Amino acid sequence: MPAGHVRVGYARASTVRQSLDTQLDSLRAAGVPRTFAEKISPRAVTRPELDRAVSLAREIRAAGPAVTLIVHEHKRLGRGIGLEFASSTDLASRCRTVASSVASRRPSG
């Protein structure tokens, strides 16, 4: 990432029984300094932690630095939320995933 570029992470599990560990590990491995995480249904209309992540990103962006929202996989944003997210903020164009890049760095076997 170029200097002055800030990464904000978001992790989501669909149920309280599911672990966020893999997502959080991949975001840490990608060097994401601040991650918001929640266990909430993909059908939920509101996502408090995603809202907090977007709010922080907007605050940072308003101060000048470029911001990228980092997720383990796009599907972590949930069903339908991507369309609302894309229409409500220019962050959607800077949303990146880390699952494939982290997986390729893991030793095999």
Protein backbone atom coordinates (compact mmCIF):
# COMPACT_ATOMS: atom_id res chain seq x y z
CA MET A 1 0.00 0.00 0.00
CA PRO A 2 1.25 3.50 -0.77
CA ALA A 3 2.13 5.84 2.09
CA GLY A 4 -0.93 7.60 3.44
CA HIS A 5 -3.17 4.67 2.56
CA VAL A 6 -5.21 3.15 5.40
CA ARG A 7 -6.73 -0.33 5.51
CA VAL A 8 -9.81 -1.11 7.58
CA GLY A 9 -10.83 -4.77 8.02
CA TYR A 10 -14.22 -6.43 8.36
CA ALA A 11 -14.95 -10.03 9.35
CA ARG A 12 -18.34 -11.71 9.68
CA ALA A 13 -19.57 -15.15 10.64
CA SER A 14 -23.16 -16.21 10.01
CA THR A 15 -23.82 -17.79 13.41
CA VAL A 16 -22.44 -17.55 16.92
CA ARG A 17 -21.18 -21.14 16.58
CA GLN A 18 -18.93 -20.26 13.64
CA SER A 19 -15.39 -19.10 14.26
CA LEU A 20 -13.94 -15.84 13.00
CA ASP A 21 -10.39 -17.09 13.54
CA THR A 22 -9.50 -17.80 9.88
CA GLN A 23 -10.78 -14.43 8.74
CA LEU A 24 -9.09 -12.53 11.56
CA ASP A 25 -5.83 -14.42 10.98
CA SER A 26 -5.87 -13.55 7.26
CA LEU A 27 -6.58 -9.90 7.97
CA ARG A 28 -3.73 -9.78 10.52
CA ALA A 29 -1.41 -11.51 8.04
CA ALA A 30 -2.33 -8.87 5.46
CA GLY A 31 -1.24 -6.19 7.93
CA VAL A 32 -4.69 -4.71 8.51
CA PRO A 33 -4.33 -2.55 11.64
CA ARG A 34 -8.02 -2.19 12.58
CA THR A 35 -10.67 -4.88 12.08
CA PHE A 36 -14.36 -4.85 12.91
CA ALA A 37 -15.93 -8.29 13.45
CA GLU A 38 -19.39 -9.65 14.11
CA LYS A 39 -21.40 -12.83 14.18
CA ILE A 40 -24.64 -12.03 12.40
CA SER A 41 -26.93 -13.63 9.83
CA PRO A 42 -26.20 -12.79 6.20
CA ARG A 43 -29.89 -11.93 5.93
CA ALA A 44 -29.66 -9.24 8.61
CA VAL A 45 -30.69 -5.86 7.28
CA THR A 46 -28.29 -3.93 9.50
CA ARG A 47 -24.72 -4.84 10.32
CA PRO A 48 -23.51 -2.69 13.23
CA GLU A 49 -19.82 -3.56 12.87
CA LEU A 50 -19.84 -3.08 9.10
CA ASP A 51 -21.52 0.28 9.69
CA ARG A 52 -18.77 1.15 12.20
CA ALA A 53 -16.05 0.10 9.72
CA VAL A 54 -17.57 2.22 6.95
CA SER A 55 -18.04 5.15 9.32
CA LEU A 56 -14.39 5.00 10.39
CA ALA A 57 -13.29 4.72 6.77
CA ARG A 58 -15.32 7.80 5.86
CA GLU A 59 -13.80 9.76 8.78
CA ILE A 60 -10.28 8.79 7.73
CA ARG A 61 -11.03 9.58 4.09
CA ALA A 62 -12.42 13.00 5.04
CA ALA A 63 -9.08 13.73 6.72
CA GLY A 64 -7.25 13.03 3.47
CA PRO A 65 -5.79 9.51 3.33
CA ALA A 66 -7.05 6.93 0.87
CA VAL A 67 -8.93 4.02 2.50
CA THR A 68 -9.46 0.42 1.47
CA LEU A 69 -11.96 -1.89 3.16
CA ILE A 70 -10.36 -5.33 3.47
CA VAL A 71 -12.43 -8.51 3.85
CA HIS A 72 -11.39 -12.16 3.85
CA GLU A 73 -13.85 -12.91 1.03
CA HIS A 74 -16.49 -10.71 -0.61
CA LYS A 75 -19.21 -13.05 0.59
CA ARG A 76 -18.39 -11.93 4.15
CA LEU A 77 -20.25 -8.75 3.29
CA GLY A 78 -23.37 -10.94 3.08
CA ARG A 79 -26.24 -11.43 0.70
CA GLY A 80 -27.65 -8.22 -0.68
CA ILE A 81 -25.44 -5.97 1.42
CA GLY A 82 -22.94 -5.55 -1.41
CA LEU A 83 -25.46 -3.74 -3.58
CA GLU A 84 -26.46 -1.34 -0.81
CA PHE A 85 -22.80 -0.85 0.08
CA ALA A 86 -21.85 -0.18 -3.53
CA SER A 87 -24.56 2.42 -3.99
CA SER A 88 -24.01 4.13 -0.65
CA THR A 89 -20.26 4.68 -0.65
CA ASP A 90 -17.28 4.99 -2.95
CA LEU A 91 -15.49 2.52 -0.65
CA ALA A 92 -17.02 -0.33 -2.64
CA SER A 93 -14.57 0.38 -5.44
CA ARG A 94 -11.75 -0.01 -2.91
CA CYS A 95 -12.97 -3.16 -1.18
CA ARG A 96 -10.38 -5.96 -1.41
CA THR A 97 -10.21 -9.56 -0.32
CA VAL A 98 -7.21 -11.31 1.22
CA ALA A 99 -8.26 -14.98 1.16
CA SER A 100 -6.44 -15.93 -2.04
CA SER A 101 -3.23 -14.03 -1.30
CA VAL A 102 -2.97 -15.40 2.24
CA ALA A 103 -3.76 -18.96 1.12
CA SER A 104 -1.00 -18.81 -1.50
CA ARG A 105 1.56 -17.88 1.17
CA ARG A 106 0.71 -20.78 3.48
CA PRO A 107 3.06 -23.75 3.34
CA SER A 108 1.51 -26.82 1.78
CA GLY A 109 1.33 -30.21 3.45
